[in-house]
PDBML (XML) file of the C-alpha atoms, coordinates in Angstrom:
<?xml version="1.0" encoding="UTF-8" ?>
<PDBx:datablock datablockName="MODEL"
   xmlns:PDBx="http://pdbml.pdb.org/schema/pdbx-v50.xsd"
   xmlns:xsi="http://www.w3.org/2001/XMLSchema-instance"
   xsi:schemaLocation="http://pdbml.pdb.org/schema/pdbx-v50.xsd pdbx-v50.xsd">
   <PDBx:atom_siteCategory>
      <PDBx:atom_site id="1">
         <PDBx:B_iso_or_equiv>0.00</PDBx:B_iso_or_equiv>
         <PDBx:Cartn_x>29.205</PDBx:Cartn_x>
         <PDBx:Cartn_y>95.621</PDBx:Cartn_y>
         <PDBx:Cartn_z>102.572</PDBx:Cartn_z>
         <PDBx:auth_asym_id>A</PDBx:auth_asym_id>
         <PDBx:auth_atom_id>CA</PDBx:auth_atom_id>
         <PDBx:auth_comp_id>THR</PDBx:auth_comp_id>
         <PDBx:auth_seq_id>1</PDBx:auth_seq_id>
         <PDBx:group_PDB>ATOM</PDBx:group_PDB>
         <PDBx:label_alt_id xsi:nil="true" />
         <PDBx:label_asym_id>A</PDBx:label_asym_id>
         <PDBx:label_atom_id>CA</PDBx:label_atom_id>
         <PDBx:label_comp_id>THR</PDBx:label_comp_id>
         <PDBx:label_entity_id>1</PDBx:label_entity_id>
         <PDBx:label_seq_id>1</PDBx:label_seq_id>
         <PDBx:occupancy>1.00</PDBx:occupancy>
         <PDBx:pdbx_PDB_model_num>1</PDBx:pdbx_PDB_model_num>
         <PDBx:type_symbol>C</PDBx:type_symbol>
      </PDBx:atom_site>
      <PDBx:atom_site id="2">
         <PDBx:B_iso_or_equiv>0.00</PDBx:B_iso_or_equiv>
         <PDBx:Cartn_x>29.143</PDBx:Cartn_x>
         <PDBx:Cartn_y>94.673</PDBx:Cartn_y>
         <PDBx:Cartn_z>98.915</PDBx:Cartn_z>
         <PDBx:auth_asym_id>A</PDBx:auth_asym_id>
         <PDBx:auth_atom_id>CA</PDBx:auth_atom_id>
         <PDBx:auth_comp_id>ASN</PDBx:auth_comp_id>
         <PDBx:auth_seq_id>2</PDBx:auth_seq_id>
         <PDBx:group_PDB>ATOM</PDBx:group_PDB>
         <PDBx:label_alt_id xsi:nil="true" />
         <PDBx:label_asym_id>A</PDBx:label_asym_id>
         <PDBx:label_atom_id>CA</PDBx:label_atom_id>
         <PDBx:label_comp_id>ASN</PDBx:label_comp_id>
         <PDBx:label_entity_id>1</PDBx:label_entity_id>
         <PDBx:label_seq_id>2</PDBx:label_seq_id>
         <PDBx:occupancy>1.00</PDBx:occupancy>
         <PDBx:pdbx_PDB_model_num>1</PDBx:pdbx_PDB_model_num>
         <PDBx:type_symbol>C</PDBx:type_symbol>
      </PDBx:atom_site>
      <PDBx:atom_site id="3">
         <PDBx:B_iso_or_equiv>0.00</PDBx:B_iso_or_equiv>
         <PDBx:Cartn_x>26.681</PDBx:Cartn_x>
         <PDBx:Cartn_y>95.661</PDBx:Cartn_y>
         <PDBx:Cartn_z>96.207</PDBx:Cartn_z>
         <PDBx:auth_asym_id>A</PDBx:auth_asym_id>
         <PDBx:auth_atom_id>CA</PDBx:auth_atom_id>
         <PDBx:auth_comp_id>TYR</PDBx:auth_comp_id>
         <PDBx:auth_seq_id>3</PDBx:auth_seq_id>
         <PDBx:group_PDB>ATOM</PDBx:group_PDB>
         <PDBx:label_alt_id xsi:nil="true" />
         <PDBx:label_asym_id>A</PDBx:label_asym_id>
         <PDBx:label_atom_id>CA</PDBx:label_atom_id>
         <PDBx:label_comp_id>TYR</PDBx:label_comp_id>
         <PDBx:label_entity_id>1</PDBx:label_entity_id>
         <PDBx:label_seq_id>3</PDBx:label_seq_id>
         <PDBx:occupancy>1.00</PDBx:occupancy>
         <PDBx:pdbx_PDB_model_num>1</PDBx:pdbx_PDB_model_num>
         <PDBx:type_symbol>C</PDBx:type_symbol>
      </PDBx:atom_site>
      <PDBx:atom_site id="4">
         <PDBx:B_iso_or_equiv>0.00</PDBx:B_iso_or_equiv>
         <PDBx:Cartn_x>25.576</PDBx:Cartn_x>
         <PDBx:Cartn_y>94.594</PDBx:Cartn_y>
         <PDBx:Cartn_z>92.780</PDBx:Cartn_z>
         <PDBx:auth_asym_id>A</PDBx:auth_asym_id>
         <PDBx:auth_atom_id>CA</PDBx:auth_atom_id>
         <PDBx:auth_comp_id>HIS</PDBx:auth_comp_id>
         <PDBx:auth_seq_id>4</PDBx:auth_seq_id>
         <PDBx:group_PDB>ATOM</PDBx:group_PDB>
         <PDBx:label_alt_id xsi:nil="true" />
         <PDBx:label_asym_id>A</PDBx:label_asym_id>
         <PDBx:label_atom_id>CA</PDBx:label_atom_id>
         <PDBx:label_comp_id>HIS</PDBx:label_comp_id>
         <PDBx:label_entity_id>1</PDBx:label_entity_id>
         <PDBx:label_seq_id>4</PDBx:label_seq_id>
         <PDBx:occupancy>1.00</PDBx:occupancy>
         <PDBx:pdbx_PDB_model_num>1</PDBx:pdbx_PDB_model_num>
         <PDBx:type_symbol>C</PDBx:type_symbol>
      </PDBx:atom_site>
      <PDBx:atom_site id="5">
         <PDBx:B_iso_or_equiv>0.00</PDBx:B_iso_or_equiv>
         <PDBx:Cartn_x>27.044</PDBx:Cartn_x>
         <PDBx:Cartn_y>96.972</PDBx:Cartn_y>
         <PDBx:Cartn_z>90.235</PDBx:Cartn_z>
         <PDBx:auth_asym_id>A</PDBx:auth_asym_id>
         <PDBx:auth_atom_id>CA</PDBx:auth_atom_id>
         <PDBx:auth_comp_id>ASP</PDBx:auth_comp_id>
         <PDBx:auth_seq_id>5</PDBx:auth_seq_id>
         <PDBx:group_PDB>ATOM</PDBx:group_PDB>
         <PDBx:label_alt_id xsi:nil="true" />
         <PDBx:label_asym_id>A</PDBx:label_asym_id>
         <PDBx:label_atom_id>CA</PDBx:label_atom_id>
         <PDBx:label_comp_id>ASP</PDBx:label_comp_id>
         <PDBx:label_entity_id>1</PDBx:label_entity_id>
         <PDBx:label_seq_id>5</PDBx:label_seq_id>
         <PDBx:occupancy>1.00</PDBx:occupancy>
         <PDBx:pdbx_PDB_model_num>1</PDBx:pdbx_PDB_model_num>
         <PDBx:type_symbol>C</PDBx:type_symbol>
      </PDBx:atom_site>
      <PDBx:atom_site id="6">
         <PDBx:B_iso_or_equiv>0.00</PDBx:B_iso_or_equiv>
         <PDBx:Cartn_x>23.559</PDBx:Cartn_x>
         <PDBx:Cartn_y>98.110</PDBx:Cartn_y>
         <PDBx:Cartn_z>89.194</PDBx:Cartn_z>
         <PDBx:auth_asym_id>A</PDBx:auth_asym_id>
         <PDBx:auth_atom_id>CA</PDBx:auth_atom_id>
         <PDBx:auth_comp_id>ASP</PDBx:auth_comp_id>
         <PDBx:auth_seq_id>6</PDBx:auth_seq_id>
         <PDBx:group_PDB>ATOM</PDBx:group_PDB>
         <PDBx:label_alt_id xsi:nil="true" />
         <PDBx:label_asym_id>A</PDBx:label_asym_id>
         <PDBx:label_atom_id>CA</PDBx:label_atom_id>
         <PDBx:label_comp_id>ASP</PDBx:label_comp_id>
         <PDBx:label_entity_id>1</PDBx:label_entity_id>
         <PDBx:label_seq_id>6</PDBx:label_seq_id>
         <PDBx:occupancy>1.00</PDBx:occupancy>
         <PDBx:pdbx_PDB_model_num>1</PDBx:pdbx_PDB_model_num>
         <PDBx:type_symbol>C</PDBx:type_symbol>
      </PDBx:atom_site>
      <PDBx:atom_site id="7">
         <PDBx:B_iso_or_equiv>0.00</PDBx:B_iso_or_equiv>
         <PDBx:Cartn_x>22.714</PDBx:Cartn_x>
         <PDBx:Cartn_y>99.426</PDBx:Cartn_y>
         <PDBx:Cartn_z>92.684</PDBx:Cartn_z>
         <PDBx:auth_asym_id>A</PDBx:auth_asym_id>
         <PDBx:auth_atom_id>CA</PDBx:auth_atom_id>
         <PDBx:auth_comp_id>VAL</PDBx:auth_comp_id>
         <PDBx:auth_seq_id>7</PDBx:auth_seq_id>
         <PDBx:group_PDB>ATOM</PDBx:group_PDB>
         <PDBx:label_alt_id xsi:nil="true" />
         <PDBx:label_asym_id>A</PDBx:label_asym_id>
         <PDBx:label_atom_id>CA</PDBx:label_atom_id>
         <PDBx:label_comp_id>VAL</PDBx:label_comp_id>
         <PDBx:label_entity_id>1</PDBx:label_entity_id>
         <PDBx:label_seq_id>7</PDBx:label_seq_id>
         <PDBx:occupancy>1.00</PDBx:occupancy>
         <PDBx:pdbx_PDB_model_num>1</PDBx:pdbx_PDB_model_num>
         <PDBx:type_symbol>C</PDBx:type_symbol>
      </PDBx:atom_site>
      <PDBx:atom_site id="8">
         <PDBx:B_iso_or_equiv>0.00</PDBx:B_iso_or_equiv>
         <PDBx:Cartn_x>26.107</PDBx:Cartn_x>
         <PDBx:Cartn_y>100.650</PDBx:Cartn_y>
         <PDBx:Cartn_z>93.866</PDBx:Cartn_z>
         <PDBx:auth_asym_id>A</PDBx:auth_asym_id>
         <PDBx:auth_atom_id>CA</PDBx:auth_atom_id>
         <PDBx:auth_comp_id>GLU</PDBx:auth_comp_id>
         <PDBx:auth_seq_id>8</PDBx:auth_seq_id>
         <PDBx:group_PDB>ATOM</PDBx:group_PDB>
         <PDBx:label_alt_id xsi:nil="true" />
         <PDBx:label_asym_id>A</PDBx:label_asym_id>
         <PDBx:label_atom_id>CA</PDBx:label_atom_id>
         <PDBx:label_comp_id>GLU</PDBx:label_comp_id>
         <PDBx:label_entity_id>1</PDBx:label_entity_id>
         <PDBx:label_seq_id>8</PDBx:label_seq_id>
         <PDBx:occupancy>1.00</PDBx:occupancy>
         <PDBx:pdbx_PDB_model_num>1</PDBx:pdbx_PDB_model_num>
         <PDBx:type_symbol>C</PDBx:type_symbol>
      </PDBx:atom_site>
      <PDBx:atom_site id="9">
         <PDBx:B_iso_or_equiv>0.00</PDBx:B_iso_or_equiv>
         <PDBx:Cartn_x>25.764</PDBx:Cartn_x>
         <PDBx:Cartn_y>104.199</PDBx:Cartn_y>
         <PDBx:Cartn_z>95.144</PDBx:Cartn_z>
         <PDBx:auth_asym_id>A</PDBx:auth_asym_id>
         <PDBx:auth_atom_id>CA</PDBx:auth_atom_id>
         <PDBx:auth_comp_id>GLY</PDBx:auth_comp_id>
         <PDBx:auth_seq_id>9</PDBx:auth_seq_id>
         <PDBx:group_PDB>ATOM</PDBx:group_PDB>
         <PDBx:label_alt_id xsi:nil="true" />
         <PDBx:label_asym_id>A</PDBx:label_asym_id>
         <PDBx:label_atom_id>CA</PDBx:label_atom_id>
         <PDBx:label_comp_id>GLY</PDBx:label_comp_id>
         <PDBx:label_entity_id>1</PDBx:label_entity_id>
         <PDBx:label_seq_id>9</PDBx:label_seq_id>
         <PDBx:occupancy>1.00</PDBx:occupancy>
         <PDBx:pdbx_PDB_model_num>1</PDBx:pdbx_PDB_model_num>
         <PDBx:type_symbol>C</PDBx:type_symbol>
      </PDBx:atom_site>
      <PDBx:atom_site id="10">
         <PDBx:B_iso_or_equiv>0.00</PDBx:B_iso_or_equiv>
         <PDBx:Cartn_x>21.959</PDBx:Cartn_x>
         <PDBx:Cartn_y>104.053</PDBx:Cartn_y>
         <PDBx:Cartn_z>95.301</PDBx:Cartn_z>
         <PDBx:auth_asym_id>A</PDBx:auth_asym_id>
         <PDBx:auth_atom_id>CA</PDBx:auth_atom_id>
         <PDBx:auth_comp_id>ARG</PDBx:auth_comp_id>
         <PDBx:auth_seq_id>10</PDBx:auth_seq_id>
         <PDBx:group_PDB>ATOM</PDBx:group_PDB>
         <PDBx:label_alt_id xsi:nil="true" />
         <PDBx:label_asym_id>A</PDBx:label_asym_id>
         <PDBx:label_atom_id>CA</PDBx:label_atom_id>
         <PDBx:label_comp_id>ARG</PDBx:label_comp_id>
         <PDBx:label_entity_id>1</PDBx:label_entity_id>
         <PDBx:label_seq_id>10</PDBx:label_seq_id>
         <PDBx:occupancy>1.00</PDBx:occupancy>
         <PDBx:pdbx_PDB_model_num>1</PDBx:pdbx_PDB_model_num>
         <PDBx:type_symbol>C</PDBx:type_symbol>
      </PDBx:atom_site>
      <PDBx:atom_site id="11">
         <PDBx:B_iso_or_equiv>0.00</PDBx:B_iso_or_equiv>
         <PDBx:Cartn_x>21.252</PDBx:Cartn_x>
         <PDBx:Cartn_y>101.286</PDBx:Cartn_y>
         <PDBx:Cartn_z>97.817</PDBx:Cartn_z>
         <PDBx:auth_asym_id>A</PDBx:auth_asym_id>
         <PDBx:auth_atom_id>CA</PDBx:auth_atom_id>
         <PDBx:auth_comp_id>PHE</PDBx:auth_comp_id>
         <PDBx:auth_seq_id>11</PDBx:auth_seq_id>
         <PDBx:group_PDB>ATOM</PDBx:group_PDB>
         <PDBx:label_alt_id xsi:nil="true" />
         <PDBx:label_asym_id>A</PDBx:label_asym_id>
         <PDBx:label_atom_id>CA</PDBx:label_atom_id>
         <PDBx:label_comp_id>PHE</PDBx:label_comp_id>
         <PDBx:label_entity_id>1</PDBx:label_entity_id>
         <PDBx:label_seq_id>11</PDBx:label_seq_id>
         <PDBx:occupancy>1.00</PDBx:occupancy>
         <PDBx:pdbx_PDB_model_num>1</PDBx:pdbx_PDB_model_num>
         <PDBx:type_symbol>C</PDBx:type_symbol>
      </PDBx:atom_site>
      <PDBx:atom_site id="12">
         <PDBx:B_iso_or_equiv>0.00</PDBx:B_iso_or_equiv>
         <PDBx:Cartn_x>22.586</PDBx:Cartn_x>
         <PDBx:Cartn_y>100.887</PDBx:Cartn_y>
         <PDBx:Cartn_z>101.350</PDBx:Cartn_z>
         <PDBx:auth_asym_id>A</PDBx:auth_asym_id>
         <PDBx:auth_atom_id>CA</PDBx:auth_atom_id>
         <PDBx:auth_comp_id>THR</PDBx:auth_comp_id>
         <PDBx:auth_seq_id>12</PDBx:auth_seq_id>
         <PDBx:group_PDB>ATOM</PDBx:group_PDB>
         <PDBx:label_alt_id xsi:nil="true" />
         <PDBx:label_asym_id>A</PDBx:label_asym_id>
         <PDBx:label_atom_id>CA</PDBx:label_atom_id>
         <PDBx:label_comp_id>THR</PDBx:label_comp_id>
         <PDBx:label_entity_id>1</PDBx:label_entity_id>
         <PDBx:label_seq_id>12</PDBx:label_seq_id>
         <PDBx:occupancy>1.00</PDBx:occupancy>
         <PDBx:pdbx_PDB_model_num>1</PDBx:pdbx_PDB_model_num>
         <PDBx:type_symbol>C</PDBx:type_symbol>
      </PDBx:atom_site>
      <PDBx:atom_site id="13">
         <PDBx:B_iso_or_equiv>0.00</PDBx:B_iso_or_equiv>
         <PDBx:Cartn_x>22.395</PDBx:Cartn_x>
         <PDBx:Cartn_y>97.705</PDBx:Cartn_y>
         <PDBx:Cartn_z>103.402</PDBx:Cartn_z>
         <PDBx:auth_asym_id>A</PDBx:auth_asym_id>
         <PDBx:auth_atom_id>CA</PDBx:auth_atom_id>
         <PDBx:auth_comp_id>ILE</PDBx:auth_comp_id>
         <PDBx:auth_seq_id>13</PDBx:auth_seq_id>
         <PDBx:group_PDB>ATOM</PDBx:group_PDB>
         <PDBx:label_alt_id xsi:nil="true" />
         <PDBx:label_asym_id>A</PDBx:label_asym_id>
         <PDBx:label_atom_id>CA</PDBx:label_atom_id>
         <PDBx:label_comp_id>ILE</PDBx:label_comp_id>
         <PDBx:label_entity_id>1</PDBx:label_entity_id>
         <PDBx:label_seq_id>13</PDBx:label_seq_id>
         <PDBx:occupancy>1.00</PDBx:occupancy>
         <PDBx:pdbx_PDB_model_num>1</PDBx:pdbx_PDB_model_num>
         <PDBx:type_symbol>C</PDBx:type_symbol>
      </PDBx:atom_site>
      <PDBx:atom_site id="14">
         <PDBx:B_iso_or_equiv>0.00</PDBx:B_iso_or_equiv>
         <PDBx:Cartn_x>22.604</PDBx:Cartn_x>
         <PDBx:Cartn_y>97.836</PDBx:Cartn_y>
         <PDBx:Cartn_z>107.181</PDBx:Cartn_z>
         <PDBx:auth_asym_id>A</PDBx:auth_asym_id>
         <PDBx:auth_atom_id>CA</PDBx:auth_atom_id>
         <PDBx:auth_comp_id>SER</PDBx:auth_comp_id>
         <PDBx:auth_seq_id>14</PDBx:auth_seq_id>
         <PDBx:group_PDB>ATOM</PDBx:group_PDB>
         <PDBx:label_alt_id xsi:nil="true" />
         <PDBx:label_asym_id>A</PDBx:label_asym_id>
         <PDBx:label_atom_id>CA</PDBx:label_atom_id>
         <PDBx:label_comp_id>SER</PDBx:label_comp_id>
         <PDBx:label_entity_id>1</PDBx:label_entity_id>
         <PDBx:label_seq_id>14</PDBx:label_seq_id>
         <PDBx:occupancy>1.00</PDBx:occupancy>
         <PDBx:pdbx_PDB_model_num>1</PDBx:pdbx_PDB_model_num>
         <PDBx:type_symbol>C</PDBx:type_symbol>
      </PDBx:atom_site>
      <PDBx:atom_site id="15">
         <PDBx:B_iso_or_equiv>0.00</PDBx:B_iso_or_equiv>
         <PDBx:Cartn_x>22.030</PDBx:Cartn_x>
         <PDBx:Cartn_y>95.512</PDBx:Cartn_y>
         <PDBx:Cartn_z>110.099</PDBx:Cartn_z>
         <PDBx:auth_asym_id>A</PDBx:auth_asym_id>
         <PDBx:auth_atom_id>CA</PDBx:auth_atom_id>
         <PDBx:auth_comp_id>ARG</PDBx:auth_comp_id>
         <PDBx:auth_seq_id>15</PDBx:auth_seq_id>
         <PDBx:group_PDB>ATOM</PDBx:group_PDB>
         <PDBx:label_alt_id xsi:nil="true" />
         <PDBx:label_asym_id>A</PDBx:label_asym_id>
         <PDBx:label_atom_id>CA</PDBx:label_atom_id>
         <PDBx:label_comp_id>ARG</PDBx:label_comp_id>
         <PDBx:label_entity_id>1</PDBx:label_entity_id>
         <PDBx:label_seq_id>15</PDBx:label_seq_id>
         <PDBx:occupancy>1.00</PDBx:occupancy>
         <PDBx:pdbx_PDB_model_num>1</PDBx:pdbx_PDB_model_num>
         <PDBx:type_symbol>C</PDBx:type_symbol>
      </PDBx:atom_site>
      <PDBx:atom_site id="16">
         <PDBx:B_iso_or_equiv>0.00</PDBx:B_iso_or_equiv>
         <PDBx:Cartn_x>20.955</PDBx:Cartn_x>
         <PDBx:Cartn_y>95.816</PDBx:Cartn_y>
         <PDBx:Cartn_z>113.718</PDBx:Cartn_z>
         <PDBx:auth_asym_id>A</PDBx:auth_asym_id>
         <PDBx:auth_atom_id>CA</PDBx:auth_atom_id>
         <PDBx:auth_comp_id>ASN</PDBx:auth_comp_id>
         <PDBx:auth_seq_id>16</PDBx:auth_seq_id>
         <PDBx:group_PDB>ATOM</PDBx:group_PDB>
         <PDBx:label_alt_id xsi:nil="true" />
         <PDBx:label_asym_id>A</PDBx:label_asym_id>
         <PDBx:label_atom_id>CA</PDBx:label_atom_id>
         <PDBx:label_comp_id>ASN</PDBx:label_comp_id>
         <PDBx:label_entity_id>1</PDBx:label_entity_id>
         <PDBx:label_seq_id>16</PDBx:label_seq_id>
         <PDBx:occupancy>1.00</PDBx:occupancy>
         <PDBx:pdbx_PDB_model_num>1</PDBx:pdbx_PDB_model_num>
         <PDBx:type_symbol>C</PDBx:type_symbol>
      </PDBx:atom_site>
      <PDBx:atom_site id="17">
         <PDBx:B_iso_or_equiv>0.00</PDBx:B_iso_or_equiv>
         <PDBx:Cartn_x>22.149</PDBx:Cartn_x>
         <PDBx:Cartn_y>92.816</PDBx:Cartn_y>
         <PDBx:Cartn_z>115.684</PDBx:Cartn_z>
         <PDBx:auth_asym_id>A</PDBx:auth_asym_id>
         <PDBx:auth_atom_id>CA</PDBx:auth_atom_id>
         <PDBx:auth_comp_id>ASN</PDBx:auth_comp_id>
         <PDBx:auth_seq_id>17</PDBx:auth_seq_id>
         <PDBx:group_PDB>ATOM</PDBx:group_PDB>
         <PDBx:label_alt_id xsi:nil="true" />
         <PDBx:label_asym_id>A</PDBx:label_asym_id>
         <PDBx:label_atom_id>CA</PDBx:label_atom_id>
         <PDBx:label_comp_id>ASN</PDBx:label_comp_id>
         <PDBx:label_entity_id>1</PDBx:label_entity_id>
         <PDBx:label_seq_id>17</PDBx:label_seq_id>
         <PDBx:occupancy>1.00</PDBx:occupancy>
         <PDBx:pdbx_PDB_model_num>1</PDBx:pdbx_PDB_model_num>
         <PDBx:type_symbol>C</PDBx:type_symbol>
      </PDBx:atom_site>
      <PDBx:atom_site id="18">
         <PDBx:B_iso_or_equiv>0.00</PDBx:B_iso_or_equiv>
         <PDBx:Cartn_x>20.315</PDBx:Cartn_x>
         <PDBx:Cartn_y>93.928</PDBx:Cartn_y>
         <PDBx:Cartn_z>118.818</PDBx:Cartn_z>
         <PDBx:auth_asym_id>A</PDBx:auth_asym_id>
         <PDBx:auth_atom_id>CA</PDBx:auth_atom_id>
         <PDBx:auth_comp_id>ALA</PDBx:auth_comp_id>
         <PDBx:auth_seq_id>18</PDBx:auth_seq_id>
         <PDBx:group_PDB>ATOM</PDBx:group_PDB>
         <PDBx:label_alt_id xsi:nil="true" />
         <PDBx:label_asym_id>A</PDBx:label_asym_id>
         <PDBx:label_atom_id>CA</PDBx:label_atom_id>
         <PDBx:label_comp_id>ALA</PDBx:label_comp_id>
         <PDBx:label_entity_id>1</PDBx:label_entity_id>
         <PDBx:label_seq_id>18</PDBx:label_seq_id>
         <PDBx:occupancy>1.00</PDBx:occupancy>
         <PDBx:pdbx_PDB_model_num>1</PDBx:pdbx_PDB_model_num>
         <PDBx:type_symbol>C</PDBx:type_symbol>
      </PDBx:atom_site>
      <PDBx:atom_site id="19">
         <PDBx:B_iso_or_equiv>0.00</PDBx:B_iso_or_equiv>
         <PDBx:Cartn_x>16.997</PDBx:Cartn_x>
         <PDBx:Cartn_y>93.788</PDBx:Cartn_y>
         <PDBx:Cartn_z>116.959</PDBx:Cartn_z>
         <PDBx:auth_asym_id>A</PDBx:auth_asym_id>
         <PDBx:auth_atom_id>CA</PDBx:auth_atom_id>
         <PDBx:auth_comp_id>GLU</PDBx:auth_comp_id>
         <PDBx:auth_seq_id>19</PDBx:auth_seq_id>
         <PDBx:group_PDB>ATOM</PDBx:group_PDB>
         <PDBx:label_alt_id xsi:nil="true" />
         <PDBx:label_asym_id>A</PDBx:label_asym_id>
         <PDBx:label_atom_id>CA</PDBx:label_atom_id>
         <PDBx:label_comp_id>GLU</PDBx:label_comp_id>
         <PDBx:label_entity_id>1</PDBx:label_entity_id>
         <PDBx:label_seq_id>19</PDBx:label_seq_id>
         <PDBx:occupancy>1.00</PDBx:occupancy>
         <PDBx:pdbx_PDB_model_num>1</PDBx:pdbx_PDB_model_num>
         <PDBx:type_symbol>C</PDBx:type_symbol>
      </PDBx:atom_site>
      <PDBx:atom_site id="20">
         <PDBx:B_iso_or_equiv>0.00</PDBx:B_iso_or_equiv>
         <PDBx:Cartn_x>17.844</PDBx:Cartn_x>
         <PDBx:Cartn_y>90.941</PDBx:Cartn_y>
         <PDBx:Cartn_z>114.566</PDBx:Cartn_z>
         <PDBx:auth_asym_id>A</PDBx:auth_asym_id>
         <PDBx:auth_atom_id>CA</PDBx:auth_atom_id>
         <PDBx:auth_comp_id>ASN</PDBx:auth_comp_id>
         <PDBx:auth_seq_id>20</PDBx:auth_seq_id>
         <PDBx:group_PDB>ATOM</PDBx:group_PDB>
         <PDBx:label_alt_id xsi:nil="true" />
         <PDBx:label_asym_id>A</PDBx:label_asym_id>
         <PDBx:label_atom_id>CA</PDBx:label_atom_id>
         <PDBx:label_comp_id>ASN</PDBx:label_comp_id>
         <PDBx:label_entity_id>1</PDBx:label_entity_id>
         <PDBx:label_seq_id>20</PDBx:label_seq_id>
         <PDBx:occupancy>1.00</PDBx:occupancy>
         <PDBx:pdbx_PDB_model_num>1</PDBx:pdbx_PDB_model_num>
         <PDBx:type_symbol>C</PDBx:type_symbol>
      </PDBx:atom_site>
      <PDBx:atom_site id="21">
         <PDBx:B_iso_or_equiv>0.00</PDBx:B_iso_or_equiv>
         <PDBx:Cartn_x>17.011</PDBx:Cartn_x>
         <PDBx:Cartn_y>93.057</PDBx:Cartn_y>
         <PDBx:Cartn_z>111.539</PDBx:Cartn_z>
         <PDBx:auth_asym_id>A</PDBx:auth_asym_id>
         <PDBx:auth_atom_id>CA</PDBx:auth_atom_id>
         <PDBx:auth_comp_id>THR</PDBx:auth_comp_id>
         <PDBx:auth_seq_id>21</PDBx:auth_seq_id>
         <PDBx:group_PDB>ATOM</PDBx:group_PDB>
         <PDBx:label_alt_id xsi:nil="true" />
         <PDBx:label_asym_id>A</PDBx:label_asym_id>
         <PDBx:label_atom_id>CA</PDBx:label_atom_id>
         <PDBx:label_comp_id>THR</PDBx:label_comp_id>
         <PDBx:label_entity_id>1</PDBx:label_entity_id>
         <PDBx:label_seq_id>21</PDBx:label_seq_id>
         <PDBx:occupancy>1.00</PDBx:occupancy>
         <PDBx:pdbx_PDB_model_num>1</PDBx:pdbx_PDB_model_num>
         <PDBx:type_symbol>C</PDBx:type_symbol>
      </PDBx:atom_site>
      <PDBx:atom_site id="22">
         <PDBx:B_iso_or_equiv>0.00</PDBx:B_iso_or_equiv>
         <PDBx:Cartn_x>18.631</PDBx:Cartn_x>
         <PDBx:Cartn_y>93.879</PDBx:Cartn_y>
         <PDBx:Cartn_z>108.236</PDBx:Cartn_z>
         <PDBx:auth_asym_id>A</PDBx:auth_asym_id>
         <PDBx:auth_atom_id>CA</PDBx:auth_atom_id>
         <PDBx:auth_comp_id>VAL</PDBx:auth_comp_id>
         <PDBx:auth_seq_id>22</PDBx:auth_seq_id>
         <PDBx:group_PDB>ATOM</PDBx:group_PDB>
         <PDBx:label_alt_id xsi:nil="true" />
         <PDBx:label_asym_id>A</PDBx:label_asym_id>
         <PDBx:label_atom_id>CA</PDBx:label_atom_id>
         <PDBx:label_comp_id>VAL</PDBx:label_comp_id>
         <PDBx:label_entity_id>1</PDBx:label_entity_id>
         <PDBx:label_seq_id>22</PDBx:label_seq_id>
         <PDBx:occupancy>1.00</PDBx:occupancy>
         <PDBx:pdbx_PDB_model_num>1</PDBx:pdbx_PDB_model_num>
         <PDBx:type_symbol>C</PDBx:type_symbol>
      </PDBx:atom_site>
      <PDBx:atom_site id="23">
         <PDBx:B_iso_or_equiv>0.00</PDBx:B_iso_or_equiv>
         <PDBx:Cartn_x>17.520</PDBx:Cartn_x>
         <PDBx:Cartn_y>96.853</PDBx:Cartn_y>
         <PDBx:Cartn_z>106.169</PDBx:Cartn_z>
         <PDBx:auth_asym_id>A</PDBx:auth_asym_id>
         <PDBx:auth_atom_id>CA</PDBx:auth_atom_id>
         <PDBx:auth_comp_id>ALA</PDBx:auth_comp_id>
         <PDBx:auth_seq_id>23</PDBx:auth_seq_id>
         <PDBx:group_PDB>ATOM</PDBx:group_PDB>
         <PDBx:label_alt_id xsi:nil="true" />
         <PDBx:label_asym_id>A</PDBx:label_asym_id>
         <PDBx:label_atom_id>CA</PDBx:label_atom_id>
         <PDBx:label_comp_id>ALA</PDBx:label_comp_id>
         <PDBx:label_entity_id>1</PDBx:label_entity_id>
         <PDBx:label_seq_id>23</PDBx:label_seq_id>
         <PDBx:occupancy>1.00</PDBx:occupancy>
         <PDBx:pdbx_PDB_model_num>1</PDBx:pdbx_PDB_model_num>
         <PDBx:type_symbol>C</PDBx:type_symbol>
      </PDBx:atom_site>
      <PDBx:atom_site id="24">
         <PDBx:B_iso_or_equiv>0.00</PDBx:B_iso_or_equiv>
         <PDBx:Cartn_x>17.924</PDBx:Cartn_x>
         <PDBx:Cartn_y>98.017</PDBx:Cartn_y>
         <PDBx:Cartn_z>102.602</PDBx:Cartn_z>
         <PDBx:auth_asym_id>A</PDBx:auth_asym_id>
         <PDBx:auth_atom_id>CA</PDBx:auth_atom_id>
         <PDBx:auth_comp_id>LEU</PDBx:auth_comp_id>
         <PDBx:auth_seq_id>24</PDBx:auth_seq_id>
         <PDBx:group_PDB>ATOM</PDBx:group_PDB>
         <PDBx:label_alt_id xsi:nil="true" />
         <PDBx:label_asym_id>A</PDBx:label_asym_id>
         <PDBx:label_atom_id>CA</PDBx:label_atom_id>
         <PDBx:label_comp_id>LEU</PDBx:label_comp_id>
         <PDBx:label_entity_id>1</PDBx:label_entity_id>
         <PDBx:label_seq_id>24</PDBx:label_seq_id>
         <PDBx:occupancy>1.00</PDBx:occupancy>
         <PDBx:pdbx_PDB_model_num>1</PDBx:pdbx_PDB_model_num>
         <PDBx:type_symbol>C</PDBx:type_symbol>
      </PDBx:atom_site>
   </PDBx:atom_siteCategory>
</PDBx:datablock>
């Protein structure tokens, strides 16, 4: 994962390949 400096530490991106979803 990589984040914009302004959201680092506050936002988390994740993905579920079984469900074809990406979350924030």
